[in-house]
Amino acid sequence: MTKDQFEREKNYRVSISIAKLMISKNIINEDDFEKIKMLLIDKYKPIIGSLTYN
């Protein structure tokens, strides 16, 4: 994994963690989370993160 790939993966995972926290605090719902997740995958193009669901 290159440094750039690592940075993209890290940024994706941090962003997903924030979105999950927002779900737990009822700030967003599951539909919003799925939309956010797809936007983050498109933005960061994570290698590993896009393979996992949630």
PDB file of N, CA and C in Angstrom:
ATOM      1  N   MET A   1       0.848  -1.166   0.000  1.00  0.00           N
ATOM      2  CA  MET A   1       0.000   0.000   0.000  1.00  0.00           C
ATOM      3  C   MET A   1       0.899   1.237   0.000  1.00  0.00           C
ATOM      4  N   THR A   2       0.602   2.123  -0.902  1.00  0.00           N
ATOM      5  CA  THR A   2       1.398   3.347  -0.970  1.00  0.00           C
ATOM      6  C   THR A   2       0.961   4.320   0.133  1.00  0.00           C
ATOM      7  N   LYS A   3       1.762   5.357   0.322  1.00  0.00           N
ATOM      8  CA  LYS A   3       1.424   6.366   1.327  1.00  0.00           C
ATOM      9  C   LYS A   3       0.100   7.046   0.982  1.00  0.00           C
ATOM     10  N   ASP A   4      -0.119   7.333  -0.296  1.00  0.00           N
ATOM     11  CA  ASP A   4      -1.363   7.960  -0.742  1.00  0.00           C
ATOM     12  C   ASP A   4      -2.566   7.045  -0.471  1.00  0.00           C
ATOM     13  N   GLN A   5      -2.430   5.778  -0.776  1.00  0.00           N
ATOM     14  CA  GLN A   5      -3.504   4.816  -0.515  1.00  0.00           C
ATOM     15  C   GLN A   5      -3.798   4.731   0.981  1.00  0.00           C
ATOM     16  N   PHE A   6      -2.751   4.721   1.780  1.00  0.00           N
ATOM     17  CA  PHE A   6      -2.926   4.671   3.229  1.00  0.00           C
ATOM     18  C   PHE A   6      -3.676   5.898   3.731  1.00  0.00           C
ATOM     19  N   GLU A   7      -3.307   7.077   3.247  1.00  0.00           N
ATOM     20  CA  GLU A   7      -3.966   8.317   3.657  1.00  0.00           C
ATOM     21  C   GLU A   7      -5.438   8.308   3.269  1.00  0.00           C
ATOM     22  N   ARG A   8      -5.741   7.847   2.067  1.00  0.00           N
ATOM     23  CA  ARG A   8      -7.141   7.774   1.631  1.00  0.00           C
ATOM     24  C   ARG A   8      -7.926   6.808   2.505  1.00  0.00           C
ATOM     25  N   GLU A   9      -7.328   5.660   2.800  1.00  0.00           N
ATOM     26  CA  GLU A   9      -7.985   4.659   3.653  1.00  0.00           C
ATOM     27  C   GLU A   9      -8.231   5.226   5.050  1.00  0.00           C
ATOM     28  N   LYS A  10      -7.217   5.874   5.594  1.00  0.00           N
ATOM     29  CA  LYS A  10      -7.335   6.464   6.936  1.00  0.00           C
ATOM     30  C   LYS A  10      -8.436   7.520   6.967  1.00  0.00           C
ATOM     31  N   ASN A  11      -8.439   8.408   6.007  1.00  0.00           N
ATOM     32  CA  ASN A  11      -9.446   9.467   5.967  1.00  0.00           C
ATOM     33  C   ASN A  11     -10.850   8.899   5.806  1.00  0.00           C
ATOM     34  N   TYR A  12     -10.982   7.864   5.001  1.00  0.00           N
ATOM     35  CA  TYR A  12     -12.278   7.212   4.829  1.00  0.00           C
ATOM     36  C   TYR A  12     -12.750   6.623   6.153  1.00  0.00           C
ATOM     37  N   ARG A  13     -11.882   5.892   6.818  1.00  0.00           N
ATOM     38  CA  ARG A  13     -12.270   5.223   8.066  1.00  0.00           C
ATOM     39  C   ARG A  13     -12.603   6.220   9.178  1.00  0.00           C
ATOM     40  N   VAL A  14     -11.876   7.312   9.253  1.00  0.00           N
ATOM     41  CA  VAL A  14     -12.190   8.344  10.244  1.00  0.00           C
ATOM     42  C   VAL A  14     -13.566   8.947   9.937  1.00  0.00           C
ATOM     43  N   SER A  15     -13.816   9.222   8.683  1.00  0.00           N
ATOM     44  CA  SER A  15     -15.097   9.806   8.290  1.00  0.00           C
ATOM     45  C   SER A  15     -16.257   8.856   8.566  1.00  0.00           C
ATOM     46  N   ILE A  16     -16.067   7.572   8.292  1.00  0.00           N
ATOM     47  CA  ILE A  16     -17.103   6.575   8.564  1.00  0.00           C
ATOM     48  C   ILE A  16     -17.353   6.484  10.068  1.00  0.00           C
ATOM     49  N   SER A  17     -16.297   6.555  10.849  1.00  0.00           N
ATOM     50  CA  SER A  17     -16.461   6.514  12.307  1.00  0.00           C
ATOM     51  C   SER A  17     -17.304   7.683  12.796  1.00  0.00           C
ATOM     52  N   ILE A  18     -17.085   8.839  12.236  1.00  0.00           N
ATOM     53  CA  ILE A  18     -17.877  10.008  12.608  1.00  0.00           C
ATOM     54  C   ILE A  18     -19.337   9.806  12.211  1.00  0.00           C
ATOM     55  N   ALA A  19     -19.568   9.260  11.026  1.00  0.00           N
ATOM     56  CA  ALA A  19     -20.938   9.015  10.580  1.00  0.00           C
ATOM     57  C   ALA A  19     -21.630   7.996  11.484  1.00  0.00           C
ATOM     58  N   LYS A  20     -20.901   6.963  11.913  1.00  0.00           N
ATOM     59  CA  LYS A  20     -21.474   5.971  12.829  1.00  0.00           C
ATOM     60  C   LYS A  20     -21.818   6.604  14.175  1.00  0.00           C
ATOM     61  N   LEU A  21     -20.985   7.501  14.637  1.00  0.00           N
ATOM     62  CA  LEU A  21     -21.270   8.220  15.876  1.00  0.00           C
ATOM     63  C   LEU A  21     -22.540   9.063  15.718  1.00  0.00           C
ATOM     64  N   MET A  22     -22.692   9.660  14.555  1.00  0.00           N
ATOM     65  CA  MET A  22     -23.882  10.468  14.288  1.00  0.00           C
ATOM     66  C   MET A  22     -25.143   9.604  14.309  1.00  0.00           C
ATOM     67  N   ILE A  23     -25.053   8.363  13.818  1.00  0.00           N
ATOM     68  CA  ILE A  23     -26.196   7.445  13.894  1.00  0.00           C
ATOM     69  C   ILE A  23     -26.511   7.147  15.349  1.00  0.00           C
ATOM     70  N   SER A  24     -25.484   6.860  16.126  1.00  0.00           N
ATOM     71  CA  SER A  24     -25.710   6.489  17.529  1.00  0.00           C
ATOM     72  C   SER A  24     -26.334   7.629  18.335  1.00  0.00           C
ATOM     73  N   LYS A  25     -26.125   8.854  17.881  1.00  0.00           N
ATOM     74  CA  LYS A  25     -26.693  10.018  18.572  1.00  0.00           C
ATOM     75  C   LYS A  25     -27.979  10.503  17.897  1.00  0.00           C
ATOM     76  N   ASN A  26     -28.487   9.686  16.959  1.00  0.00           N
ATOM     77  CA  ASN A  26     -29.727   9.997  16.233  1.00  0.00           C
ATOM     78  C   ASN A  26     -29.677  11.331  15.495  1.00  0.00           C
ATOM     79  N   ILE A  27     -28.496  11.688  15.028  1.00  0.00           N
ATOM     80  CA  ILE A  27     -28.348  12.904  14.218  1.00  0.00           C
ATOM     81  C   ILE A  27     -28.710  12.590  12.769  1.00  0.00           C
ATOM     82  N   ILE A  28     -28.345  11.390  12.327  1.00  0.00           N
ATOM     83  CA  ILE A  28     -28.694  10.910  10.991  1.00  0.00           C
ATOM     84  C   ILE A  28     -29.331   9.530  11.134  1.00  0.00           C
ATOM     85  N   ASN A  29     -29.998   9.084  10.071  1.00  0.00           N
ATOM     86  CA  ASN A  29     -30.575   7.745  10.083  1.00  0.00           C
ATOM     87  C   ASN A  29     -29.770   6.822   9.157  1.00  0.00           C
ATOM     88  N   GLU A  30     -30.188   5.569   9.068  1.00  0.00           N
ATOM     89  CA  GLU A  30     -29.453   4.585   8.263  1.00  0.00           C
ATOM     90  C   GLU A  30     -29.400   4.976   6.787  1.00  0.00           C
ATOM     91  N   ASP A  31     -30.489   5.532   6.268  1.00  0.00           N
ATOM     92  CA  ASP A  31     -30.495   5.958   4.862  1.00  0.00           C
ATOM     93  C   ASP A  31     -29.464   7.057   4.626  1.00  0.00           C
ATOM     94  N   ASP A  32     -29.409   8.007   5.540  1.00  0.00           N
ATOM     95  CA  ASP A  32     -28.411   9.071   5.433  1.00  0.00           C
ATOM     96  C   ASP A  32     -27.002   8.483   5.496  1.00  0.00           C
ATOM     97  N   PHE A  33     -26.806   7.529   6.401  1.00  0.00           N
ATOM     98  CA  PHE A  33     -25.495   6.900   6.540  1.00  0.00           C
ATOM     99  C   PHE A  33     -25.070   6.239   5.231  1.00  0.00           C
ATOM    100  N   GLU A  34     -25.986   5.525   4.603  1.00  0.00           N
ATOM    101  CA  GLU A  34     -25.656   4.855   3.338  1.00  0.00           C
ATOM    102  C   GLU A  34     -25.277   5.864   2.258  1.00  0.00           C
ATOM    103  N   LYS A  35     -25.982   6.977   2.214  1.00  0.00           N
ATOM    104  CA  LYS A  35     -25.659   8.027   1.240  1.00  0.00           C
ATOM    105  C   LYS A  35     -24.278   8.603   1.529  1.00  0.00           C
ATOM    106  N   ILE A  36     -24.021   8.868   2.801  1.00  0.00           N
ATOM    107  CA  ILE A  36     -22.718   9.402   3.203  1.00  0.00           C
ATOM    108  C   ILE A  36     -21.608   8.413   2.854  1.00  0.00           C
ATOM    109  N   LYS A  37     -21.858   7.136   3.153  1.00  0.00           N
ATOM    110  CA  LYS A  37     -20.852   6.112   2.876  1.00  0.00           C
ATOM    111  C   LYS A  37     -20.498   6.067   1.387  1.00  0.00           C
ATOM    112  N   MET A  38     -21.505   6.135   0.535  1.00  0.00           N
ATOM    113  CA  MET A  38     -21.245   6.093  -0.904  1.00  0.00           C
ATOM    114  C   MET A  38     -20.479   7.341  -1.360  1.00  0.00           C
ATOM    115  N   LEU A  39     -20.811   8.482  -0.797  1.00  0.00           N
ATOM    116  CA  LEU A  39     -20.080   9.707  -1.137  1.00  0.00           C
ATOM    117  C   LEU A  39     -18.627   9.621  -0.692  1.00  0.00           C
ATOM    118  N   LEU A  40     -18.406   9.042   0.490  1.00  0.00           N
ATOM    119  CA  LEU A  40     -17.040   8.907   1.001  1.00  0.00           C
ATOM    120  C   LEU A  40     -16.233   7.912   0.187  1.00  0.00           C
ATOM    121  N   ILE A  41     -16.863   6.839  -0.243  1.00  0.00           N
ATOM    122  CA  ILE A  41     -16.169   5.867  -1.100  1.00  0.00           C
ATOM    123  C   ILE A  41     -15.766   6.535  -2.404  1.00  0.00           C
ATOM    124  N   ASP A  42     -16.690   7.334  -2.963  1.00  0.00           N
ATOM    125  CA  ASP A  42     -16.391   8.038  -4.206  1.00  0.00           C
ATOM    126  C   ASP A  42     -15.280   9.066  -4.009  1.00  0.00           C
ATOM    127  N   LYS A  43     -15.285   9.739  -2.868  1.00  0.00           N
ATOM    128  CA  LYS A  43     -14.281  10.774  -2.599  1.00  0.00           C
ATOM    129  C   LYS A  43     -12.898  10.190  -2.317  1.00  0.00           C
ATOM    130  N   TYR A  44     -12.834   9.212  -1.415  1.00  0.00           N
ATOM    131  CA  TYR A  44     -11.541   8.706  -0.957  1.00  0.00           C
ATOM    132  C   TYR A  44     -11.040   7.483  -1.716  1.00  0.00           C
ATOM    133  N   LYS A  45     -11.944   6.759  -2.366  1.00  0.00           N
ATOM    134  CA  LYS A  45     -11.580   5.550  -3.105  1.00  0.00           C
ATOM    135  C   LYS A  45     -10.705   4.607  -2.273  1.00  0.00           C
ATOM    136  N   PRO A  46     -11.217   4.226  -1.080  1.00  0.00           N
ATOM    137  CA  PRO A  46     -10.432   3.356  -0.207  1.00  0.00           C
ATOM    138  C   PRO A  46     -10.297   1.954  -0.799  1.00  0.00           C
ATOM    139  N   ILE A  47      -9.176   1.329  -0.565  1.00  0.00           N
ATOM    140  CA  ILE A  47      -8.953  -0.016  -1.081  1.00  0.00           C
ATOM    141  C   ILE A  47      -9.672  -1.033  -0.214  1.00  0.00           C
ATOM    142  N   ILE A  48      -9.456  -0.962   1.081  1.00  0.00           N
ATOM    143  CA  ILE A  48     -10.017  -1.931   2.010  1.00  0.00           C
ATOM    144  C   ILE A  48     -11.398  -1.506   2.483  1.00  0.00           C
ATOM    145  N   GLY A  49     -11.548  -0.278   2.844  1.00  0.00           N
ATOM    146  CA  GLY A  49     -12.795   0.231   3.395  1.00  0.00           C
ATOM    147  C   GLY A  49     -13.998   0.030   2.511  1.00  0.00           C
ATOM    148  N   SER A  50     -13.827   0.130   1.204  1.00  0.00           N
ATOM    149  CA  SER A  50     -14.973  -0.042   0.302  1.00  0.00           C
ATOM    150  C   SER A  50     -15.391  -1.498   0.183  1.00  0.00           C
ATOM    151  N   LEU A  51     -14.564  -2.415   0.664  1.00  0.00           N
ATOM    152  CA  LEU A  51     -14.901  -3.833   0.623  1.00  0.00           C
ATOM    153  C   LEU A  51     -15.803  -4.237   1.763  1.00  0.00           C
ATOM    154  N   THR A  52     -15.779  -3.450   2.826  1.00  0.00           N
ATOM    155  CA  THR A  52     -16.557  -3.808   4.016  1.00  0.00           C
ATOM    156  C   THR A  52     -17.914  -3.138   3.969  1.00  0.00           C
ATOM    157  N   TYR A  53     -18.864  -3.750   4.571  1.00  0.00           N
ATOM    158  CA  TYR A  53     -20.193  -3.167   4.687  1.00  0.00           C
ATOM    159  C   TYR A  53     -20.345  -2.735   6.113  1.00  0.00           C
ATOM    160  N   ASN A  54     -20.464  -1.448   6.355  1.00  0.00           N
ATOM    161  CA  ASN A  54     -20.526  -0.819   7.691  1.00  0.00           C
ATOM    162  C   ASN A  54     -19.143  -0.703   8.157  1.00  0.00           C
TER     163      ASN A  54
END
